[in-house]
Amino acid sequence: MAAIGRFQKGDEIFYAKVVDGELFRLHGDVFGSPSFDKKPTPFKGLRTLTPVQPTKIIAVGLNYAEHAREHNKPLPKTPLFWFKATTSLIPDGGKIEIPFATNRVEFEAELGIVIGRRVRNVTPAAAARYIFGYTAAQDISDRTIQSQESQWCRCKSFDTFTPMGPYVETKIDPHDLTIQLFQNGQLRQNSNSSQLIFNCFDLVSFISTNLTLLPGDVILTGTPSGVGPIESGDRLEVRIQGLAPLVNTVK
């Protein structure tokens, strides 16, 4: 497998492999050993959905040193994580909605880990075999609420606050990937996954010692420095090396 997407045509929802702009339908368990059609399915009339339906979204905070410094926060000694509502998911092309017009809401580009097998108490050395792949994502955050509360779930779980996709890339090394965010064509965030304090394998290991991860679950690995406010009309594009770009607008 390589890039895997989830699509809808009418009432039908299906997975497909994306190769050079063509779709090849998947048959069987996407997290197992599926087969694929030999003839492509036309893109016309299809809607691109979020690439997976997780039972939980786990967000990791302050996982880039420069981002911690821009928020005047000490570096965590162990991964700092919380849950985001799965109802906050929107696909590539979806619109991010600002719930309170007077609040400051900010973008956060992130590399997302997609779990491929049920996992509990795995070591970092063995973590890769439980990862299905990687996807582009955002952890949109209402900073006004975040500054007022010690828990971060509410400020990051509004509907539309987790853009993700368009696909899951199943064949990629996550340890040296350029991560960028463009706001209306202007580069705002520019870093590399090599700068993560806790890398992808460390995160899967640590989180799995605290709870069971299931196929399709998503871990957002943290955002680099450069976060900034969004407003209606903005176009946000997350570009991660080796992944299809994630593009969303704001209203």
C-alpha atoms as a PDB file:
ATOM      1  CA  MET A   1       0.000   0.000   0.000  1.00  0.00           C
ATOM      2  CA  ALA A   2       0.990   3.649  -0.291  1.00  0.00           C
ATOM      3  CA  ALA A   3      -1.481   6.568  -0.134  1.00  0.00           C
ATOM      4  CA  ILE A   4      -4.861   5.372   1.116  1.00  0.00           C
ATOM      5  CA  GLY A   5      -7.968   7.563   1.039  1.00  0.00           C
ATOM      6  CA  ARG A   6     -11.607   7.269   2.010  1.00  0.00           C
ATOM      7  CA  PHE A   7     -14.257   8.415  -0.439  1.00  0.00           C
ATOM      8  CA  GLN A   8     -17.993   8.745  -0.862  1.00  0.00           C
ATOM      9  CA  LYS A   9     -20.209   8.467  -3.911  1.00  0.00           C
ATOM     10  CA  GLY A  10     -23.893   8.842  -3.150  1.00  0.00           C
ATOM     11  CA  ASP A  11     -24.574   6.617  -0.145  1.00  0.00           C
ATOM     12  CA  GLU A  12     -21.512   4.448  -0.748  1.00  0.00           C
ATOM     13  CA  ILE A  13     -18.315   4.971   1.272  1.00  0.00           C
ATOM     14  CA  PHE A  14     -15.156   3.119   0.302  1.00  0.00           C
ATOM     15  CA  TYR A  15     -11.374   3.102   0.673  1.00  0.00           C
ATOM     16  CA  ALA A  16      -9.029   3.326  -2.285  1.00  0.00           C
ATOM     17  CA  LYS A  17      -5.335   3.489  -3.074  1.00  0.00           C
ATOM     18  CA  VAL A  18      -4.249   6.715  -4.759  1.00  0.00           C
ATOM     19  CA  VAL A  19      -1.545   6.278  -7.394  1.00  0.00           C
ATOM     20  CA  ASP A  20      -0.501   9.126  -9.708  1.00  0.00           C
ATOM     21  CA  GLY A  21      -3.886  10.802  -9.362  1.00  0.00           C
ATOM     22  CA  GLU A  22      -5.893   7.618  -9.973  1.00  0.00           C
ATOM     23  CA  LEU A  23      -8.037   5.664  -7.520  1.00  0.00           C
ATOM     24  CA  PHE A  24      -7.979   1.893  -7.127  1.00  0.00           C
ATOM     25  CA  ARG A  25     -10.769   0.585  -4.923  1.00  0.00           C
ATOM     26  CA  LEU A  26      -9.857  -1.437  -1.881  1.00  0.00           C
ATOM     27  CA  HIS A  27     -11.559  -4.700  -0.945  1.00  0.00           C
ATOM     28  CA  GLY A  28     -11.308  -6.279   2.502  1.00  0.00           C
ATOM     29  CA  ASP A  29     -10.033  -4.833   5.764  1.00  0.00           C
ATOM     30  CA  VAL A  30      -8.052  -1.643   5.177  1.00  0.00           C
ATOM     31  CA  PHE A  31      -5.983  -2.483   8.281  1.00  0.00           C
ATOM     32  CA  GLY A  32      -5.491  -6.101   7.236  1.00  0.00           C
ATOM     33  CA  SER A  33      -4.378  -7.546   3.895  1.00  0.00           C
ATOM     34  CA  PRO A  34      -6.741  -5.927   1.375  1.00  0.00           C
ATOM     35  CA  SER A  35      -6.834  -6.326  -2.387  1.00  0.00           C
ATOM     36  CA  PHE A  36      -7.265  -3.566  -4.944  1.00  0.00           C
ATOM     37  CA  ASP A  37      -9.036  -3.224  -8.268  1.00  0.00           C
ATOM     38  CA  LYS A  38      -6.733  -3.345 -11.268  1.00  0.00           C
ATOM     39  CA  LYS A  39      -8.754  -0.708 -13.113  1.00  0.00           C
ATOM     40  CA  PRO A  40      -9.022   2.817 -11.687  1.00  0.00           C
ATOM     41  CA  THR A  41     -12.245   4.398 -10.463  1.00  0.00           C
ATOM     42  CA  PRO A  42     -12.935   7.908 -11.825  1.00  0.00           C
ATOM     43  CA  PHE A  43     -12.591  10.778  -9.359  1.00  0.00           C
ATOM     44  CA  LYS A  44     -15.613  12.509 -10.901  1.00  0.00           C
ATOM     45  CA  GLY A  45     -18.567  12.692  -8.541  1.00  0.00           C
ATOM     46  CA  LEU A  46     -16.557  11.542  -5.516  1.00  0.00           C
ATOM     47  CA  ARG A  47     -16.264  13.324  -2.199  1.00  0.00           C
ATOM     48  CA  THR A  48     -13.004  12.960  -0.265  1.00  0.00           C
ATOM     49  CA  LEU A  49     -13.629  12.121   3.399  1.00  0.00           C
ATOM     50  CA  THR A  50     -11.260  12.069   6.360  1.00  0.00           C
ATOM     51  CA  PRO A  51      -9.015   9.091   5.625  1.00  0.00           C
ATOM     52  CA  VAL A  52      -9.958   7.163   8.789  1.00  0.00           C
ATOM     53  CA  GLN A  53     -12.678   7.134  11.454  1.00  0.00           C
ATOM     54  CA  PRO A  54     -10.789   7.004  14.762  1.00  0.00           C
ATOM     55  CA  THR A  55     -12.286   5.897  18.062  1.00  0.00           C
ATOM     56  CA  LYS A  56     -10.146   8.644  19.601  1.00  0.00           C
ATOM     57  CA  ILE A  57      -7.900  11.535  18.619  1.00  0.00           C
ATOM     58  CA  ILE A  58      -4.937  12.043  20.927  1.00  0.00           C
ATOM     59  CA  ALA A  59      -3.193  15.393  20.713  1.00  0.00           C
ATOM     60  CA  VAL A  60       0.363  15.911  21.981  1.00  0.00           C
ATOM     61  CA  GLY A  61       1.358  19.335  23.251  1.00  0.00           C
ATOM     62  CA  LEU A  62       4.627  21.273  23.448  1.00  0.00           C
ATOM     63  CA  ASN A  63       6.508  18.664  21.430  1.00  0.00           C
ATOM     64  CA  TYR A  64       8.715  21.194  19.609  1.00  0.00           C
ATOM     65  CA  ALA A  65      11.085  23.188  21.800  1.00  0.00           C
ATOM     66  CA  GLU A  66      10.565  26.449  19.883  1.00  0.00           C
ATOM     67  CA  HIS A  67       6.783  26.139  20.203  1.00  0.00           C
ATOM     68  CA  ALA A  68       7.088  25.631  23.960  1.00  0.00           C
ATOM     69  CA  ARG A  69       9.257  28.744  24.160  1.00  0.00           C
ATOM     70  CA  GLU A  70       6.812  30.895  22.179  1.00  0.00           C
ATOM     71  CA  HIS A  71       4.163  29.998  24.788  1.00  0.00           C
ATOM     72  CA  ASN A  72       6.583  30.473  27.692  1.00  0.00           C
ATOM     73  CA  LYS A  73       6.124  26.867  28.770  1.00  0.00           C
ATOM     74  CA  PRO A  74       8.797  24.542  30.162  1.00  0.00           C
ATOM     75  CA  LEU A  75       9.746  21.526  28.064  1.00  0.00           C
ATOM     76  CA  PRO A  76       7.775  18.454  29.144  1.00  0.00           C
ATOM     77  CA  LYS A  77       9.727  15.595  30.720  1.00  0.00           C
ATOM     78  CA  THR A  78       7.211  13.082  29.355  1.00  0.00           C
ATOM     79  CA  PRO A  79       4.726  13.526  26.494  1.00  0.00           C
ATOM     80  CA  LEU A  80       1.825  15.821  27.362  1.00  0.00           C
ATOM     81  CA  PHE A  81      -1.383  14.566  25.767  1.00  0.00           C
ATOM     82  CA  TRP A  82      -5.145  14.999  25.856  1.00  0.00           C
ATOM     83  CA  PHE A  83      -8.164  13.903  23.832  1.00  0.00           C
ATOM     84  CA  LYS A  84      -9.929  15.768  21.048  1.00  0.00           C
ATOM     85  CA  ALA A  85     -13.531  15.024  20.079  1.00  0.00           C
ATOM     86  CA  THR A  86     -13.848  12.888  16.954  1.00  0.00           C
ATOM     87  CA  THR A  87     -16.706  15.204  15.918  1.00  0.00           C
ATOM     88  CA  SER A  88     -14.069  17.928  15.390  1.00  0.00           C
ATOM     89  CA  LEU A  89     -12.796  16.139  12.260  1.00  0.00           C
ATOM     90  CA  ILE A  90     -13.206  17.653   8.794  1.00  0.00           C
ATOM     91  CA  PRO A  91     -11.632  16.468   5.536  1.00  0.00           C
ATOM     92  CA  ASP A  92      -9.398  18.163   3.025  1.00  0.00           C
ATOM     93  CA  GLY A  93     -11.432  20.980   1.476  1.00  0.00           C
ATOM     94  CA  GLY A  94     -13.672  21.363   4.528  1.00  0.00           C
ATOM     95  CA  LYS A  95     -14.363  24.695   6.157  1.00  0.00           C
ATOM     96  CA  ILE A  96     -13.056  25.604   9.611  1.00  0.00           C
ATOM     97  CA  GLU A  97     -15.716  27.466  11.575  1.00  0.00           C
ATOM     98  CA  ILE A  98     -14.807  30.023  14.247  1.00  0.00           C
ATOM     99  CA  PRO A  99     -17.399  29.551  17.033  1.00  0.00           C
ATOM    100  CA  PHE A 100     -16.952  32.889  18.817  1.00  0.00           C
ATOM    101  CA  ALA A 101     -16.170  35.875  16.606  1.00  0.00           C
ATOM    102  CA  THR A 102     -14.365  37.833  19.336  1.00  0.00           C
ATOM    103  CA  ASN A 103     -12.082  34.959  20.398  1.00  0.00           C
ATOM    104  CA  ARG A 104      -8.547  34.434  19.121  1.00  0.00           C
ATOM    105  CA  VAL A 105      -8.391  31.159  17.169  1.00  0.00           C
ATOM    106  CA  GLU A 106      -5.087  29.857  15.795  1.00  0.00           C
ATOM    107  CA  PHE A 107      -3.796  27.321  13.262  1.00  0.00           C
ATOM    108  CA  GLU A 108      -1.429  24.485  14.216  1.00  0.00           C
ATOM    109  CA  ALA A 109       0.043  22.262  11.489  1.00  0.00           C
ATOM    110  CA  GLU A 110       0.788  18.726  12.678  1.00  0.00           C
ATOM    111  CA  LEU A 111       1.984  15.334  11.496  1.00  0.00           C
ATOM    112  CA  GLY A 112      -0.635  12.727  12.383  1.00  0.00           C
ATOM    113  CA  ILE A 113       0.099   9.086  13.223  1.00  0.00           C
ATOM    114  CA  VAL A 114      -2.584   6.564  12.222  1.00  0.00           C
ATOM    115  CA  ILE A 115      -2.602   3.338  14.239  1.00  0.00           C
ATOM    116  CA  GLY A 116      -2.983   0.113  12.246  1.00  0.00           C
ATOM    117  CA  ARG A 117      -3.203  -2.609  14.897  1.00  0.00           C
ATOM    118  CA  ARG A 118      -4.543  -2.893  18.428  1.00  0.00           C
ATOM    119  CA  VAL A 119      -1.633  -2.052  20.698  1.00  0.00           C
ATOM    120  CA  ARG A 120      -0.927  -1.895  24.416  1.00  0.00           C
ATOM    121  CA  ASN A 121       2.445  -1.544  26.157  1.00  0.00           C
ATOM    122  CA  VAL A 122       4.654  -1.524  23.074  1.00  0.00           C
ATOM    123  CA  THR A 123       8.311  -0.493  23.127  1.00  0.00           C
ATOM    124  CA  PRO A 124       9.614   2.305  20.877  1.00  0.00           C
ATOM    125  CA  ALA A 125      11.662  -0.261  18.965  1.00  0.00           C
ATOM    126  CA  ALA A 126       8.520  -2.254  18.129  1.00  0.00           C
ATOM    127  CA  ALA A 127       6.139   0.684  17.630  1.00  0.00           C
ATOM    128  CA  ALA A 128       6.525   0.902  13.832  1.00  0.00           C
ATOM    129  CA  ARG A 129       4.799  -2.429  13.254  1.00  0.00           C
ATOM    130  CA  TYR A 130       1.626  -1.031  14.861  1.00  0.00           C
ATOM    131  CA  ILE A 131       1.515   2.152  12.766  1.00  0.00           C
ATOM    132  CA  PHE A 132      -0.638   2.133   9.634  1.00  0.00           C
ATOM    133  CA  GLY A 133       0.759   5.383   8.273  1.00  0.00           C
ATOM    134  CA  TYR A 134       0.916   9.150   8.515  1.00  0.00           C
ATOM    135  CA  THR A 135      -1.319  12.029   7.491  1.00  0.00           C
ATOM    136  CA  ALA A 136      -1.398  15.824   7.532  1.00  0.00           C
ATOM    137  CA  ALA A 137      -3.571  17.483  10.156  1.00  0.00           C
ATOM    138  CA  GLN A 138      -4.289  20.627  12.114  1.00  0.00           C
ATOM    139  CA  ASP A 139      -5.062  21.161  15.794  1.00  0.00           C
ATOM    140  CA  ILE A 140      -7.119  24.358  15.586  1.00  0.00           C
ATOM    141  CA  SER A 141      -7.168  26.063  18.990  1.00  0.00           C
ATOM    142  CA  ASP A 142      -9.312  28.735  20.634  1.00  0.00           C
ATOM    143  CA  ARG A 143      -6.613  30.564  22.589  1.00  0.00           C
ATOM    144  CA  THR A 144      -9.076  32.756  24.477  1.00  0.00           C
ATOM    145  CA  ILE A 145     -10.668  29.697  26.069  1.00  0.00           C
ATOM    146  CA  GLN A 146      -7.316  27.936  26.430  1.00  0.00           C
ATOM    147  CA  SER A 147      -5.965  30.823  28.527  1.00  0.00           C
ATOM    148  CA  GLN A 148      -8.967  30.585  30.851  1.00  0.00           C
ATOM    149  CA  GLU A 149      -8.953  26.830  31.499  1.00  0.00           C
ATOM    150  CA  SER A 150      -6.369  24.310  32.709  1.00  0.00           C
ATOM    151  CA  GLN A 151      -7.848  21.536  30.565  1.00  0.00           C
ATOM    152  CA  TRP A 152      -7.396  21.885  26.797  1.00  0.00           C
ATOM    153  CA  CYS A 153     -10.114  19.580  25.492  1.00  0.00           C
ATOM    154  CA  ARG A 154     -12.837  22.220  25.025  1.00  0.00           C
ATOM    155  CA  CYS A 155     -10.672  24.837  23.323  1.00  0.00           C
ATOM    156  CA  LYS A 156      -9.521  22.273  20.746  1.00  0.00           C
ATOM    157  CA  SER A 157     -12.645  20.136  20.219  1.00  0.00           C
ATOM    158  CA  PHE A 158     -15.130  22.452  18.552  1.00  0.00           C
ATOM    159  CA  ASP A 159     -16.701  21.075  15.392  1.00  0.00           C
ATOM    160  CA  THR A 160     -14.285  21.533  12.423  1.00  0.00           C
ATOM    161  CA  PHE A 161     -11.227  22.023  14.693  1.00  0.00           C
ATOM    162  CA  THR A 162      -9.351  18.944  13.393  1.00  0.00           C
ATOM    163  CA  PRO A 163      -8.791  19.094   9.635  1.00  0.00           C
ATOM    164  CA  MET A 164      -7.130  15.867   8.490  1.00  0.00           C
ATOM    165  CA  GLY A 165      -6.093  14.205   5.247  1.00  0.00           C
ATOM    166  CA  PRO A 166      -6.505  13.935   2.425  1.00  0.00           C
ATOM    167  CA  TYR A 167      -4.806  10.515   2.570  1.00  0.00           C
ATOM    168  CA  VAL A 168      -2.759   8.247   4.818  1.00  0.00           C
ATOM    169  CA  GLU A 169       0.729   7.579   3.479  1.00  0.00           C
ATOM    170  CA  THR A 170       1.699   4.054   4.524  1.00  0.00           C
ATOM    171  CA  LYS A 171       5.271   3.980   3.225  1.00  0.00           C
ATOM    172  CA  ILE A 172       7.253   6.830   4.699  1.00  0.00           C
ATOM    173  CA  ASP A 173       9.937   7.411   7.328  1.00  0.00           C
ATOM    174  CA  PRO A 174       8.457   9.948   9.790  1.00  0.00           C
ATOM    175  CA  HIS A 175      11.729  11.080  11.347  1.00  0.00           C
ATOM    176  CA  ASP A 176      12.950  13.698   8.844  1.00  0.00           C
ATOM    177  CA  LEU A 177       9.964  15.370   7.190  1.00  0.00           C
ATOM    178  CA  THR A 178       9.599  19.073   6.423  1.00  0.00           C
ATOM    179  CA  ILE A 179       6.422  20.472   8.023  1.00  0.00           C
ATOM    180  CA  GLN A 180       5.029  23.772   6.738  1.00  0.00           C
ATOM    181  CA  LEU A 181       1.863  25.815   6.984  1.00  0.00           C
ATOM    182  CA  PHE A 182       0.877  28.470   4.461  1.00  0.00           C
ATOM    183  CA  GLN A 183      -1.781  31.058   5.294  1.00  0.00           C
ATOM    184  CA  ASN A 184      -3.139  32.723   2.154  1.00  0.00           C
ATOM    185  CA  GLY A 185       0.062  31.699   0.379  1.00  0.00           C
ATOM    186  CA  GLN A 186       2.383  33.088   3.073  1.00  0.00           C
ATOM    187  CA  LEU A 187       4.693  30.678   4.903  1.00  0.00           C
ATOM    188  CA  ARG A 188       3.882  30.796   8.634  1.00  0.00           C
ATOM    189  CA  GLN A 189       5.289  27.549  10.039  1.00  0.00           C
ATOM    190  CA  ASN A 190       8.420  25.834   8.793  1.00  0.00           C
ATOM    191  CA  SER A 191      10.110  23.015  10.666  1.00  0.00           C
ATOM    192  CA  ASN A 192      11.019  19.343  10.472  1.00  0.00           C
ATOM    193  CA  SER A 193       9.836  16.230  12.302  1.00  0.00           C
ATOM    194  CA  SER A 194      13.474  15.668  13.325  1.00  0.00           C
ATOM    195  CA  GLN A 195      12.885  18.511  15.800  1.00  0.00           C
ATOM    196  CA  LEU A 196      10.215  16.595  17.730  1.00  0.00           C
ATOM    197  CA  ILE A 197      11.130  16.235  21.403  1.00  0.00           C
ATOM    198  CA  PHE A 198       9.402  12.838  21.454  1.00  0.00           C
ATOM    199  CA  ASN A 199       9.413  11.153  18.043  1.00  0.00           C
ATOM    200  CA  CYS A 200       6.571   9.133  16.563  1.00  0.00           C
ATOM    201  CA  PHE A 201       7.759   5.793  17.941  1.00  0.00           C
ATOM    202  CA  ASP A 202       8.315   7.292  21.400  1.00  0.00           C
ATOM    203  CA  LEU A 203       4.760   8.674  21.368  1.00  0.00           C
ATOM    204  CA  VAL A 204       3.101   5.410  20.360  1.00  0.00           C
ATOM    205  CA  SER A 205       5.078   3.599  23.047  1.00  0.00           C
ATOM    206  CA  PHE A 206       4.346   6.106  25.823  1.00  0.00           C
ATOM    207  CA  ILE A 207       0.657   6.490  25.029  1.00  0.00           C
ATOM    208  CA  SER A 208       0.187   2.723  24.715  1.00  0.00           C
ATOM    209  CA  THR A 209       1.485   2.258  28.258  1.00  0.00           C
ATOM    210  CA  ASN A 210      -1.453   4.346  29.461  1.00  0.00           C
ATOM    211  CA  LEU A 211      -4.292   3.162  27.219  1.00  0.00           C
ATOM    212  CA  THR A 212      -5.109   0.757  24.404  1.00  0.00           C
ATOM    213  CA  LEU A 213      -4.804   2.133  20.887  1.00  0.00           C
ATOM    214  CA  LEU A 214      -7.121   0.732  18.209  1.00  0.00           C
ATOM    215  CA  PRO A 215      -6.870   0.590  14.407  1.00  0.00           C
ATOM    216  CA  GLY A 216      -7.689   3.993  12.959  1.00  0.00           C
ATOM    217  CA  ASP A 217      -6.872   5.949  16.107  1.00  0.00           C
ATOM    218  CA  VAL A 218      -4.942   9.155  15.444  1.00  0.00           C
ATOM    219  CA  ILE A 219      -2.098  10.748  17.381  1.00  0.00           C
ATOM    220  CA  LEU A 220      -1.343  14.388  16.554  1.00  0.00           C
ATOM    221  CA  THR A 221       2.366  14.776  17.235  1.00  0.00           C
ATOM    222  CA  GLY A 222       2.485  18.479  18.092  1.00  0.00           C
ATOM    223  CA  THR A 223       3.003  21.711  16.190  1.00  0.00           C
ATOM    224  CA  PRO A 224       6.172  23.716  15.529  1.00  0.00           C
ATOM    225  CA  SER A 225       6.592  27.402  16.277  1.00  0.00           C
ATOM    226  CA  GLY A 226       4.938  30.077  14.174  1.00  0.00           C
ATOM    227  CA  VAL A 227       1.309  29.524  15.137  1.00  0.00           C
ATOM    228  CA  GLY A 228      -0.942  32.489  14.477  1.00  0.00           C
ATOM    229  CA  PRO A 229      -4.541  33.712  14.317  1.00  0.00           C
ATOM    230  CA  ILE A 230      -7.045  32.850  11.626  1.00  0.00           C
ATOM    231  CA  GLU A 231     -10.031  34.781  10.351  1.00  0.00           C
ATOM    232  CA  SER A 232     -12.898  34.270   7.954  1.00  0.00           C
ATOM    233  CA  GLY A 233     -11.760  33.963   4.351  1.00  0.00           C
ATOM    234  CA  ASP A 234      -8.342  32.496   5.149  1.00  0.00           C
ATOM    235  CA  ARG A 235      -6.937  29.631   3.109  1.00  0.00           C
ATOM    236  CA  LEU A 236      -4.721  27.291   5.145  1.00  0.00           C
ATOM    237  CA  GLU A 237      -2.453  24.713   3.546  1.00  0.00           C
ATOM    238  CA  VAL A 238      -0.428  22.130   5.452  1.00  0.00           C
ATOM    239  CA  ARG A 239       2.488  20.735   3.467  1.00  0.00           C
ATOM    240  CA  ILE A 240       4.372  17.775   4.902  1.00  0.00           C
ATOM    241  CA  GLN A 241       7.153  16.209   2.878  1.00  0.00           C
ATOM    242  CA  GLY A 242       5.975  13.019   1.169  1.00  0.00           C
ATOM    243  CA  LEU A 243       2.290  13.609   1.942  1.00  0.00           C
ATOM    244  CA  ALA A 244      -0.494  15.113  -0.144  1.00  0.00           C
ATOM    245  CA  PRO A 245      -1.204  18.722   0.976  1.00  0.00           C
ATOM    246  CA  LEU A 246      -4.132  19.428   3.294  1.00  0.00           C
ATOM    247  CA  VAL A 247      -6.085  22.553   2.281  1.00  0.00           C
ATOM    248  CA  ASN A 248      -8.928  24.152   4.242  1.00  0.00           C
ATOM    249  CA  THR A 249     -10.654  27.514   4.345  1.00  0.00           C
ATOM    250  CA  VAL A 250     -12.065  29.486   7.271  1.00  0.00           C
ATOM    251  CA  LYS A 251     -15.511  30.957   7.793  1.00  0.00           C
END
